[in-house]
Amino acid sequence: MVAKVLTLRRQTLGTVLVLLLPALVIYTLFVVYPVLQAMVYSLYRWNGFGPLNDFRGLENFARLFGNAVFLGAIRNSFLIMIFSLMVQLPLAMVLALIVHKSDFPLAVLFRTVFFLPFVMSEIVTGVLWQFIYHPQYGLVNYVIQLFNPGAERVALLANPDTVLGAILIVILWKYFGLHMTIYIAGLQGIPNELYDAARIDGAGDVQVIRRIVLPLLRPTIMISVFFSIIGSLQVFDIIWAMGRGGPVNASETMVTFMYKFGLERYAIGYGSAVAVTIFLICLSFSVIYQRFLVRTVG
């Protein structure tokens, strides 16, 4: 009997390994190997051509953290992250609480409309909002002129003081629908009996949200926060489409800095140091998040 059980376990393990092998090979080739390759390149001064023969150790990292533009890019990336956590996610939660109710008029239509910006590609989104912000023909200046015909036209994407705020609005518009949909999915998993019991006990809307909705929705919120933070640290397409990190690096992020000062200038070693830095920041956050926050939910 024991021998049969052991044989069955070995067969099951073999089957699992065979089924996982294709995914493991693909993951190793397209994730693990590039990460290790970038770590090696970051130790060299290399332009992408010829052999790796100019070993510099940690010199690329020293140059990187001595670069004021990169430090500003880190600041911008974290500003985007803070904005997402403090504005985007609460707005998504409020809208989810409103439209998830089946008796809300046109609830399905609102869900679709709010989710549509996320379906649109980042490049198309950036180009679209370039037209909206256009100082001569854009919708923003049209509205300003409509209510104040004598007002000076504004070039939000050409002003270092306003470009990041303008991009934050685009990021909010683009991604809040995703988080709203995540919250709606979590809300639909809360039994209606809990709401009914709370109403019978005399609980108001605020008490229901505080005592029932938010505690039961906490795992969903944790997932949404994780997606928001990782996405904020890696945002690239929208910013690149709307101004390539300019003007004068005012909207630079870590990823746009890597592309601009690494790949475009064929400084592959330097760009790899940026990529490794981004990877380590995301990895550190993921480990800390899983260890100290997600486990508390369970």
C-alpha atoms as a PDB file:
ATOM      1  CA  MET A   1       0.000   0.000   0.000  1.00  0.00           C
ATOM      2  CA  VAL A   2       2.790   2.387   0.947  1.00  0.00           C
ATOM      3  CA  ALA A   3       4.659   1.509  -2.219  1.00  0.00           C
ATOM      4  CA  LYS A   4       1.562   2.292  -4.322  1.00  0.00           C
ATOM      5  CA  VAL A   5       1.157   5.673  -2.617  1.00  0.00           C
ATOM      6  CA  LEU A   6       4.814   6.531  -3.195  1.00  0.00           C
ATOM      7  CA  THR A   7       4.550   5.472  -6.830  1.00  0.00           C
ATOM      8  CA  LEU A   8       1.417   7.575  -7.286  1.00  0.00           C
ATOM      9  CA  ARG A   9       3.128  10.585  -5.740  1.00  0.00           C
ATOM     10  CA  ARG A  10       6.134  10.199  -8.020  1.00  0.00           C
ATOM     11  CA  GLN A  11       3.866   9.949 -11.044  1.00  0.00           C
ATOM     12  CA  THR A  12       1.930  13.032  -9.949  1.00  0.00           C
ATOM     13  CA  LEU A  13       5.144  14.961  -9.361  1.00  0.00           C
ATOM     14  CA  GLY A  14       6.444  13.923 -12.765  1.00  0.00           C
ATOM     15  CA  THR A  15       3.230  15.034 -14.432  1.00  0.00           C
ATOM     16  CA  VAL A  16       3.381  18.413 -12.671  1.00  0.00           C
ATOM     17  CA  LEU A  17       6.995  18.945 -13.707  1.00  0.00           C
ATOM     18  CA  VAL A  18       6.214  18.083 -17.329  1.00  0.00           C
ATOM     19  CA  LEU A  19       3.279  20.514 -17.371  1.00  0.00           C
ATOM     20  CA  LEU A  20       5.304  23.293 -15.724  1.00  0.00           C
ATOM     21  CA  LEU A  21       8.402  22.828 -17.867  1.00  0.00           C
ATOM     22  CA  PRO A  22       7.266  24.931 -20.896  1.00  0.00           C
ATOM     23  CA  ALA A  23       6.225  27.841 -18.672  1.00  0.00           C
ATOM     24  CA  LEU A  24       9.438  27.533 -16.662  1.00  0.00           C
ATOM     25  CA  VAL A  25      11.577  27.604 -19.809  1.00  0.00           C
ATOM     26  CA  ILE A  26       9.753  30.672 -21.165  1.00  0.00           C
ATOM     27  CA  TYR A  27       9.989  32.443 -17.800  1.00  0.00           C
ATOM     28  CA  THR A  28      13.709  31.713 -17.567  1.00  0.00           C
ATOM     29  CA  LEU A  29      14.432  32.905 -21.108  1.00  0.00           C
ATOM     30  CA  PHE A  30      12.363  36.090 -21.017  1.00  0.00           C
ATOM     31  CA  VAL A  31      12.505  37.120 -17.340  1.00  0.00           C
ATOM     32  CA  VAL A  32      15.324  35.529 -15.348  1.00  0.00           C
ATOM     33  CA  TYR A  33      17.980  35.637 -18.072  1.00  0.00           C
ATOM     34  CA  PRO A  34      17.388  39.310 -19.045  1.00  0.00           C
ATOM     35  CA  VAL A  35      17.547  40.348 -15.382  1.00  0.00           C
ATOM     36  CA  LEU A  36      20.853  38.534 -14.860  1.00  0.00           C
ATOM     37  CA  GLN A  37      22.140  39.921 -18.154  1.00  0.00           C
ATOM     38  CA  ALA A  38      21.285  43.488 -17.109  1.00  0.00           C
ATOM     39  CA  MET A  39      23.092  42.963 -13.799  1.00  0.00           C
ATOM     40  CA  VAL A  40      26.234  41.940 -15.689  1.00  0.00           C
ATOM     41  CA  TYR A  41      26.001  44.828 -18.173  1.00  0.00           C
ATOM     42  CA  SER A  42      25.576  47.333 -15.330  1.00  0.00           C
ATOM     43  CA  LEU A  43      29.141  46.586 -14.214  1.00  0.00           C
ATOM     44  CA  TYR A  44      30.647  47.565 -17.567  1.00  0.00           C
ATOM     45  CA  ARG A  45      30.993  50.650 -19.684  1.00  0.00           C
ATOM     46  CA  TRP A  46      29.524  49.256 -22.891  1.00  0.00           C
ATOM     47  CA  ASN A  47      27.720  50.730 -25.899  1.00  0.00           C
ATOM     48  CA  GLY A  48      26.012  47.533 -27.016  1.00  0.00           C
ATOM     49  CA  PHE A  49      28.589  46.571 -29.621  1.00  0.00           C
ATOM     50  CA  GLY A  50      31.718  44.475 -29.303  1.00  0.00           C
ATOM     51  CA  PRO A  51      32.923  42.450 -26.324  1.00  0.00           C
ATOM     52  CA  LEU A  52      32.490  43.327 -22.650  1.00  0.00           C
ATOM     53  CA  ASN A  53      36.029  44.380 -21.828  1.00  0.00           C
ATOM     54  CA  ASP A  54      35.690  47.685 -19.954  1.00  0.00           C
ATOM     55  CA  PHE A  55      34.816  46.555 -16.426  1.00  0.00           C
ATOM     56  CA  ARG A  56      33.906  49.473 -14.142  1.00  0.00           C
ATOM     57  CA  GLY A  57      32.425  47.758 -11.106  1.00  0.00           C
ATOM     58  CA  LEU A  58      29.869  49.994  -9.392  1.00  0.00           C
ATOM     59  CA  GLU A  59      30.949  53.133 -11.233  1.00  0.00           C
ATOM     60  CA  ASN A  60      27.703  53.277 -13.226  1.00  0.00           C
ATOM     61  CA  PHE A  61      25.683  53.236 -10.009  1.00  0.00           C
ATOM     62  CA  ALA A  62      27.865  55.958  -8.484  1.00  0.00           C
ATOM     63  CA  ARG A  63      27.329  58.140 -11.563  1.00  0.00           C
ATOM     64  CA  LEU A  64      23.642  57.359 -11.459  1.00  0.00           C
ATOM     65  CA  PHE A  65      23.008  58.480  -7.893  1.00  0.00           C
ATOM     66  CA  GLY A  66      25.193  61.524  -8.440  1.00  0.00           C
ATOM     67  CA  ASN A  67      23.007  62.620 -11.348  1.00  0.00           C
ATOM     68  CA  ALA A  68      20.497  65.322 -10.399  1.00  0.00           C
ATOM     69  CA  VAL A  69      18.227  64.387 -13.316  1.00  0.00           C
ATOM     70  CA  PHE A  70      17.926  60.802 -12.090  1.00  0.00           C
ATOM     71  CA  LEU A  71      17.231  61.941  -8.543  1.00  0.00           C
ATOM     72  CA  GLY A  72      14.482  64.144  -9.951  1.00  0.00           C
ATOM     73  CA  ALA A  73      13.165  61.158 -11.906  1.00  0.00           C
ATOM     74  CA  ILE A  74      12.983  59.145  -8.672  1.00  0.00           C
ATOM     75  CA  ARG A  75      11.098  62.008  -7.030  1.00  0.00           C
ATOM     76  CA  ASN A  76       8.623  62.185  -9.936  1.00  0.00           C
ATOM     77  CA  SER A  77       8.055  58.432  -9.862  1.00  0.00           C
ATOM     78  CA  PHE A  78       7.236  58.552  -6.170  1.00  0.00           C
ATOM     79  CA  LEU A  79       5.007  61.605  -6.669  1.00  0.00           C
ATOM     80  CA  ILE A  80       3.036  59.627  -9.225  1.00  0.00           C
ATOM     81  CA  MET A  81       2.805  56.755  -6.747  1.00  0.00           C
ATOM     82  CA  ILE A  82       1.583  59.019  -3.926  1.00  0.00           C
ATOM     83  CA  PHE A  83      -0.953  60.666  -6.233  1.00  0.00           C
ATOM     84  CA  SER A  84      -2.268  57.258  -7.268  1.00  0.00           C
ATOM     85  CA  LEU A  85      -2.659  56.143  -3.670  1.00  0.00           C
ATOM     86  CA  MET A  86      -4.150  59.378  -2.337  1.00  0.00           C
ATOM     87  CA  VAL A  87      -6.391  60.420  -5.227  1.00  0.00           C
ATOM     88  CA  GLN A  88      -6.857  57.697  -7.828  1.00  0.00           C
ATOM     89  CA  LEU A  89      -7.720  54.797  -5.525  1.00  0.00           C
ATOM     90  CA  PRO A  90     -10.129  56.734  -3.241  1.00  0.00           C
ATOM     91  CA  LEU A  91     -11.931  58.081  -6.327  1.00  0.00           C
ATOM     92  CA  ALA A  92     -12.164  54.575  -7.750  1.00  0.00           C
ATOM     93  CA  MET A  93     -13.571  53.330  -4.436  1.00  0.00           C
ATOM     94  CA  VAL A  94     -16.234  56.047  -4.294  1.00  0.00           C
ATOM     95  CA  LEU A  95     -17.363  55.375  -7.856  1.00  0.00           C
ATOM     96  CA  ALA A  96     -17.367  51.617  -7.221  1.00  0.00           C
ATOM     97  CA  LEU A  97     -19.637  52.108  -4.194  1.00  0.00           C
ATOM     98  CA  ILE A  98     -22.002  54.173  -6.330  1.00  0.00           C
ATOM     99  CA  VAL A  99     -22.249  52.083  -9.500  1.00  0.00           C
ATOM    100  CA  HIS A 100     -22.067  48.545  -8.104  1.00  0.00           C
ATOM    101  CA  LYS A 101     -25.651  48.684  -6.870  1.00  0.00           C
ATOM    102  CA  SER A 102     -28.025  47.030  -9.299  1.00  0.00           C
ATOM    103  CA  ASP A 103     -30.716  49.671  -8.680  1.00  0.00           C
ATOM    104  CA  PHE A 104     -28.450  52.537  -9.738  1.00  0.00           C
ATOM    105  CA  PRO A 105     -29.741  53.971 -13.048  1.00  0.00           C
ATOM    106  CA  LEU A 106     -27.520  53.175 -16.028  1.00  0.00           C
ATOM    107  CA  ALA A 107     -25.037  51.383 -13.736  1.00  0.00           C
ATOM    108  CA  VAL A 108     -23.803  49.066 -16.504  1.00  0.00           C
ATOM    109  CA  LEU A 109     -23.304  51.995 -18.868  1.00  0.00           C
ATOM    110  CA  PHE A 110     -21.303  53.906 -16.266  1.00  0.00           C
ATOM    111  CA  ARG A 111     -19.093  50.892 -15.585  1.00  0.00           C
ATOM    112  CA  THR A 112     -18.335  50.567 -19.286  1.00  0.00           C
ATOM    113  CA  VAL A 113     -17.662  54.271 -19.786  1.00  0.00           C
ATOM    114  CA  PHE A 114     -15.326  54.466 -16.784  1.00  0.00           C
ATOM    115  CA  PHE A 115     -13.433  51.340 -17.863  1.00  0.00           C
ATOM    116  CA  LEU A 116     -12.993  52.354 -21.524  1.00  0.00           C
ATOM    117  CA  PRO A 117      -9.925  54.601 -20.945  1.00  0.00           C
ATOM    118  CA  PHE A 118      -8.020  51.628 -19.556  1.00  0.00           C
ATOM    119  CA  VAL A 119      -8.715  49.627 -22.716  1.00  0.00           C
ATOM    120  CA  MET A 120      -7.140  52.374 -24.822  1.00  0.00           C
ATOM    121  CA  SER A 121      -3.395  51.952 -25.379  1.00  0.00           C
ATOM    122  CA  GLU A 122      -0.998  54.221 -23.491  1.00  0.00           C
ATOM    123  CA  ILE A 123       0.459  55.724 -26.669  1.00  0.00           C
ATOM    124  CA  VAL A 124      -2.978  56.575 -28.052  1.00  0.00           C
ATOM    125  CA  THR A 125      -3.897  58.054 -24.673  1.00  0.00           C
ATOM    126  CA  GLY A 126      -0.794  60.259 -24.674  1.00  0.00           C
ATOM    127  CA  VAL A 127      -1.414  61.506 -28.214  1.00  0.00           C
ATOM    128  CA  LEU A 128      -5.094  62.162 -27.464  1.00  0.00           C
ATOM    129  CA  TRP A 129      -4.276  64.256 -24.409  1.00  0.00           C
ATOM    130  CA  GLN A 130      -1.625  66.143 -26.341  1.00  0.00           C
ATOM    131  CA  PHE A 131      -4.442  67.431 -28.524  1.00  0.00           C
ATOM    132  CA  ILE A 132      -6.605  68.169 -25.471  1.00  0.00           C
ATOM    133  CA  TYR A 133      -3.778  70.223 -23.912  1.00  0.00           C
ATOM    134  CA  HIS A 134      -2.792  71.911 -27.186  1.00  0.00           C
ATOM    135  CA  PRO A 135      -2.306  75.650 -26.484  1.00  0.00           C
ATOM    136  CA  GLN A 136      -3.989  76.732 -29.715  1.00  0.00           C
ATOM    137  CA  TYR A 137      -6.649  74.130 -30.552  1.00  0.00           C
ATOM    138  CA  GLY A 138      -6.980  72.045 -27.392  1.00  0.00           C
ATOM    139  CA  LEU A 139     -10.130  71.512 -25.366  1.00  0.00           C
ATOM    140  CA  VAL A 140      -8.582  72.911 -22.172  1.00  0.00           C
ATOM    141  CA  ASN A 141      -7.822  76.289 -23.737  1.00  0.00           C
ATOM    142  CA  TYR A 142     -11.169  76.281 -25.528  1.00  0.00           C
ATOM    143  CA  VAL A 143     -12.974  75.974 -22.187  1.00  0.00           C
ATOM    144  CA  ILE A 144     -10.775  78.679 -20.663  1.00  0.00           C
ATOM    145  CA  GLN A 145     -11.516  81.038 -23.562  1.00  0.00           C
ATOM    146  CA  LEU A 146     -15.208  80.186 -23.393  1.00  0.00           C
ATOM    147  CA  PHE A 147     -15.540  81.369 -19.796  1.00  0.00           C
ATOM    148  CA  ASN A 148     -12.821  84.034 -19.943  1.00  0.00           C
ATOM    149  CA  PRO A 149     -12.304  85.289 -23.512  1.00  0.00           C
ATOM    150  CA  GLY A 150      -9.432  87.551 -22.541  1.00  0.00           C
ATOM    151  CA  ALA A 151      -7.425  84.902 -20.695  1.00  0.00           C
ATOM    152  CA  GLU A 152      -3.964  83.982 -21.884  1.00  0.00           C
ATOM    153  CA  ARG A 153      -3.639  80.588 -23.494  1.00  0.00           C
ATOM    154  CA  VAL A 154      -1.767  78.010 -21.407  1.00  0.00           C
ATOM    155  CA  ALA A 155       0.748  75.455 -22.638  1.00  0.00           C
ATOM    156  CA  LEU A 156       0.567  72.936 -19.815  1.00  0.00           C
ATOM    157  CA  LEU A 157       2.958  70.431 -21.391  1.00  0.00           C
ATOM    158  CA  ALA A 158       5.554  73.097 -22.216  1.00  0.00           C
ATOM    159  CA  ASN A 159       5.761  74.555 -18.720  1.00  0.00           C
ATOM    160  CA  PRO A 160       8.040  72.751 -16.208  1.00  0.00           C
ATOM    161  CA  ASP A 161       5.762  73.897 -13.372  1.00  0.00           C
ATOM    162  CA  THR A 162       2.578  72.388 -14.827  1.00  0.00           C
ATOM    163  CA  VAL A 163       3.650  69.436 -16.984  1.00  0.00           C
ATOM    164  CA  LEU A 164       3.743  66.847 -14.195  1.00  0.00           C
ATOM    165  CA  GLY A 165       0.332  67.908 -12.871  1.00  0.00           C
ATOM    166  CA  ALA A 166      -1.115  67.664 -16.380  1.00  0.00           C
ATOM    167  CA  ILE A 167       0.304  64.143 -16.753  1.00  0.00           C
ATOM    168  CA  LEU A 168      -1.074  63.128 -13.356  1.00  0.00           C
ATOM    169  CA  ILE A 169      -4.561  64.023 -14.574  1.00  0.00           C
ATOM    170  CA  VAL A 170      -4.050  61.783 -17.604  1.00  0.00           C
ATOM    171  CA  ILE A 171      -2.849  58.899 -15.426  1.00  0.00           C
ATOM    172  CA  LEU A 172      -5.895  59.365 -13.178  1.00  0.00           C
ATOM    173  CA  TRP A 173      -8.238  59.332 -16.177  1.00  0.00           C
ATOM    174  CA  LYS A 174      -6.503  56.316 -17.693  1.00  0.00           C
ATOM    175  CA  TYR A 175      -6.283  53.934 -14.736  1.00  0.00           C
ATOM    176  CA  PHE A 176      -8.998  54.719 -12.190  1.00  0.00           C
ATOM    177  CA  GLY A 177     -11.476  52.615 -14.181  1.00  0.00           C
ATOM    178  CA  LEU A 178      -9.308  49.533 -13.685  1.00  0.00           C
ATOM    179  CA  HIS A 179      -9.267  49.953  -9.912  1.00  0.00           C
ATOM    180  CA  MET A 180     -12.967  50.761  -9.879  1.00  0.00           C
ATOM    181  CA  THR A 181     -13.640  47.461 -11.651  1.00  0.00           C
ATOM    182  CA  ILE A 182     -11.453  45.603  -9.140  1.00  0.00           C
ATOM    183  CA  TYR A 183     -13.404  47.154  -6.262  1.00  0.00           C
ATOM    184  CA  ILE A 184     -16.743  46.327  -7.893  1.00  0.00           C
ATOM    185  CA  ALA A 185     -15.665  42.691  -8.187  1.00  0.00           C
ATOM    186  CA  GLY A 186     -14.813  42.700  -4.477  1.00  0.00           C
ATOM    187  CA  LEU A 187     -18.094  44.368  -3.537  1.00  0.00           C
ATOM    188  CA  GLN A 188     -20.080  41.761  -5.443  1.00  0.00           C
ATOM    189  CA  GLY A 189     -18.544  39.107  -3.211  1.00  0.00           C
ATOM    190  CA  ILE A 190     -20.033  40.631  -0.056  1.00  0.00           C
ATOM    191  CA  PRO A 191     -23.308  38.842   0.849  1.00  0.00           C
ATOM    192  CA  ASN A 192     -26.414  41.024   0.778  1.00  0.00           C
ATOM    193  CA  GLU A 193     -27.494  39.472   4.083  1.00  0.00           C
ATOM    194  CA  LEU A 194     -24.789  41.471   5.861  1.00  0.00           C
ATOM    195  CA  TYR A 195     -26.198  44.732   4.511  1.00  0.00           C
ATOM    196  CA  ASP A 196     -29.717  43.728   5.514  1.00  0.00           C
ATOM    197  CA  ALA A 197     -28.621  42.789   9.026  1.00  0.00           C
ATOM    198  CA  ALA A 198     -26.802  46.097   9.427  1.00  0.00           C
ATOM    199  CA  ARG A 199     -29.879  48.032   8.270  1.00  0.00           C
ATOM    200  CA  ILE A 200     -32.080  46.168  10.745  1.00  0.00           C
ATOM    201  CA  ASP A 201     -29.648  47.128  13.520  1.00  0.00           C
ATOM    202  CA  GLY A 202     -30.014  50.757  12.500  1.00  0.00           C
ATOM    203  CA  ALA A 203     -26.646  51.276  10.805  1.00  0.00           C
ATOM    204  CA  GLY A 204     -26.360  54.175   8.384  1.00  0.00           C
ATOM    205  CA  ASP A 205     -24.477  54.277   5.088  1.00  0.00           C
ATOM    206  CA  VAL A 206     -21.245  55.496   6.664  1.00  0.00           C
ATOM    207  CA  GLN A 207     -21.363  52.823   9.369  1.00  0.00           C
ATOM    208  CA  VAL A 208     -22.045  50.103   6.785  1.00  0.00           C
ATOM    209  CA  ILE A 209     -19.020  51.209   4.780  1.00  0.00           C
ATOM    210  CA  ARG A 210     -16.763  51.450   7.838  1.00  0.00           C
ATOM    211  CA  ARG A 211     -17.881  48.292   9.649  1.00  0.00           C
ATOM    212  CA  ILE A 212     -18.746  45.943   6.784  1.00  0.00           C
ATOM    213  CA  VAL A 213     -17.546  47.065   3.360  1.00  0.00           C
ATOM    214  CA  LEU A 214     -13.990  48.208   4.078  1.00  0.00           C
ATOM    215  CA  PRO A 215     -13.021  45.284   6.382  1.00  0.00           C
ATOM    216  CA  LEU A 216     -14.365  42.683   3.932  1.00  0.00           C
ATOM    217  CA  LEU A 217     -12.875  44.542   0.971  1.00  0.00           C
ATOM    218  CA  ARG A 218      -9.423  44.748   2.511  1.00  0.00           C
ATOM    219  CA  PRO A 219      -7.850  41.906   0.460  1.00  0.00           C
ATOM    220  CA  THR A 220      -9.137  43.549  -2.724  1.00  0.00           C
ATOM    221  CA  ILE A 221      -7.776  46.919  -1.626  1.00  0.00           C
ATOM    222  CA  MET A 222      -4.369  45.358  -0.955  1.00  0.00           C
ATOM    223  CA  ILE A 223      -4.247  43.967  -4.496  1.00  0.00           C
ATOM    224  CA  SER A 224      -5.290  47.327  -5.945  1.00  0.00           C
ATOM    225  CA  VAL A 225      -2.623  49.163  -3.920  1.00  0.00           C
ATOM    226  CA  PHE A 226       0.032  46.711  -5.087  1.00  0.00           C
ATOM    227  CA  PHE A 227      -0.889  47.184  -8.753  1.00  0.00           C
ATOM    228  CA  SER A 228      -0.967  50.953  -8.314  1.00  0.00           C
ATOM    229  CA  ILE A 229       2.475  51.212  -6.706  1.00  0.00           C
ATOM    230  CA  ILE A 230       4.248  48.859  -9.111  1.00  0.00           C
ATOM    231  CA  GLY A 231       2.578  50.542 -12.093  1.00  0.00           C
ATOM    232  CA  SER A 232       3.553  54.006 -10.836  1.00  0.00           C
ATOM    233  CA  LEU A 233       7.202  53.021 -10.545  1.00  0.00           C
ATOM    234  CA  GLN A 234       7.200  51.638 -14.100  1.00  0.00           C
ATOM    235  CA  VAL A 235       5.101  54.215 -15.968  1.00  0.00           C
ATOM    236  CA  PHE A 236       6.624  55.067 -19.335  1.00  0.00           C
ATOM    237  CA  ASP A 237       4.410  55.098 -22.431  1.00  0.00           C
ATOM    238  CA  ILE A 238       2.094  57.953 -21.511  1.00  0.00           C
ATOM    239  CA  ILE A 239       4.906  60.237 -20.366  1.00  0.00           C
ATOM    240  CA  TRP A 240       7.022  59.425 -23.403  1.00  0.00           C
ATOM    241  CA  ALA A 241       4.137  60.098 -25.786  1.00  0.00           C
ATOM    242  CA  MET A 242       3.310  63.420 -24.115  1.00  0.00           C
ATOM    243  CA  GLY A 243       6.770  64.954 -24.039  1.00  0.00           C
ATOM    244  CA  ARG A 244       9.587  62.414 -23.612  1.00  0.00           C
ATOM    245  CA  GLY A 245      10.123  63.455 -19.999  1.00  0.00           C
ATOM    246  CA  GLY A 246      10.392  67.167 -20.767  1.00  0.00           C
ATOM    247  CA  PRO A 247      10.479  70.072 -20.749  1.00  0.00           C
ATOM    248  CA  VAL A 248      13.952  70.259 -19.169  1.00  0.00           C
ATOM    249  CA  ASN A 249      13.406  66.831 -17.552  1.00  0.00           C
ATOM    250  CA  ALA A 250      10.490  68.139 -15.456  1.00  0.00           C
ATOM    251  CA  SER A 251       8.377  65.009 -16.097  1.00  0.00           C
ATOM    252  CA  GLU A 252      11.232  62.522 -16.183  1.00  0.00           C
ATOM    253  CA  THR A 253      10.646  59.176 -14.462  1.00  0.00           C
ATOM    254  CA  MET A 254      13.059  56.349 -13.796  1.00  0.00           C
ATOM    255  CA  VAL A 255      11.950  54.421 -16.875  1.00  0.00           C
ATOM    256  CA  THR A 256      12.064  57.394 -19.265  1.00  0.00           C
ATOM    257  CA  PHE A 257      15.508  58.237 -17.862  1.00  0.00           C
ATOM    258  CA  MET A 258      16.658  54.678 -18.542  1.00  0.00           C
ATOM    259  CA  TYR A 259      15.438  54.808 -22.128  1.00  0.00           C
ATOM    260  CA  LYS A 260      16.702  58.306 -22.871  1.00  0.00           C
ATOM    261  CA  PHE A 261      20.109  58.193 -21.190  1.00  0.00           C
ATOM    262  CA  GLY A 262      20.733  54.495 -21.738  1.00  0.00           C
ATOM    263  CA  LEU A 263      19.279  53.086 -24.947  1.00  0.00           C
ATOM    264  CA  GLU A 264      19.040  56.243 -27.066  1.00  0.00           C
ATOM    265  CA  ARG A 265      22.637  57.189 -26.294  1.00  0.00           C
ATOM    266  CA  TYR A 266      23.904  53.621 -26.591  1.00  0.00           C
ATOM    267  CA  ALA A 267      25.126  53.689 -22.983  1.00  0.00           C
ATOM    268  CA  ILE A 268      23.945  50.146 -22.372  1.00  0.00           C
ATOM    269  CA  GLY A 269      25.967  49.683 -19.194  1.00  0.00           C
ATOM    270  CA  TYR A 270      24.628  52.914 -17.715  1.00  0.00           C
ATOM    271  CA  GLY A 271      21.061  52.110 -18.775  1.00  0.00           C
ATOM    272  CA  SER A 272      21.391  48.635 -17.290  1.00  0.00           C
ATOM    273  CA  ALA A 273      22.364  50.216 -13.967  1.00  0.00           C
ATOM    274  CA  VAL A 274      19.102  52.172 -14.093  1.00  0.00           C
ATOM    275  CA  ALA A 275      17.151  49.012 -14.949  1.00  0.00           C
ATOM    276  CA  VAL A 276      18.764  47.112 -12.073  1.00  0.00           C
ATOM    277  CA  THR A 277      17.941  49.974  -9.700  1.00  0.00           C
ATOM    278  CA  ILE A 278      14.287  49.952 -10.768  1.00  0.00           C
ATOM    279  CA  PHE A 279      14.192  46.167 -10.424  1.00  0.00           C
ATOM    280  CA  LEU A 280      15.651  46.269  -6.918  1.00  0.00           C
ATOM    281  CA  ILE A 281      13.210  48.980  -5.808  1.00  0.00           C
ATOM    282  CA  CYS A 282      10.213  47.012  -7.127  1.00  0.00           C
ATOM    283  CA  LEU A 283      11.540  43.736  -5.723  1.00  0.00           C
ATOM    284  CA  SER A 284      12.187  45.261  -2.300  1.00  0.00           C
ATOM    285  CA  PHE A 285       8.728  46.737  -2.177  1.00  0.00           C
ATOM    286  CA  SER A 286       7.139  43.446  -3.282  1.00  0.00           C
ATOM    287  CA  VAL A 287       8.962  41.446  -0.608  1.00  0.00           C
ATOM    288  CA  ILE A 288       8.162  43.939   2.151  1.00  0.00           C
ATOM    289  CA  TYR A 289       4.547  44.217   0.990  1.00  0.00           C
ATOM    290  CA  GLN A 290       4.058  40.458   0.943  1.00  0.00           C
ATOM    291  CA  ARG A 291       5.836  39.872   4.244  1.00  0.00           C
ATOM    292  CA  PHE A 292       4.422  42.624   6.437  1.00  0.00           C
ATOM    293  CA  LEU A 293       1.152  43.733   4.862  1.00  0.00           C
ATOM    294  CA  VAL A 294      -0.471  40.987   2.817  1.00  0.00           C
ATOM    295  CA  ARG A 295       0.109  38.359   5.521  1.00  0.00           C
ATOM    296  CA  THR A 296      -1.764  40.494   8.041  1.00  0.00           C
ATOM    297  CA  VAL A 297      -4.832  40.290   5.831  1.00  0.00           C
ATOM    298  CA  GLY A 298      -4.865  36.506   6.036  1.00  0.00           C
END
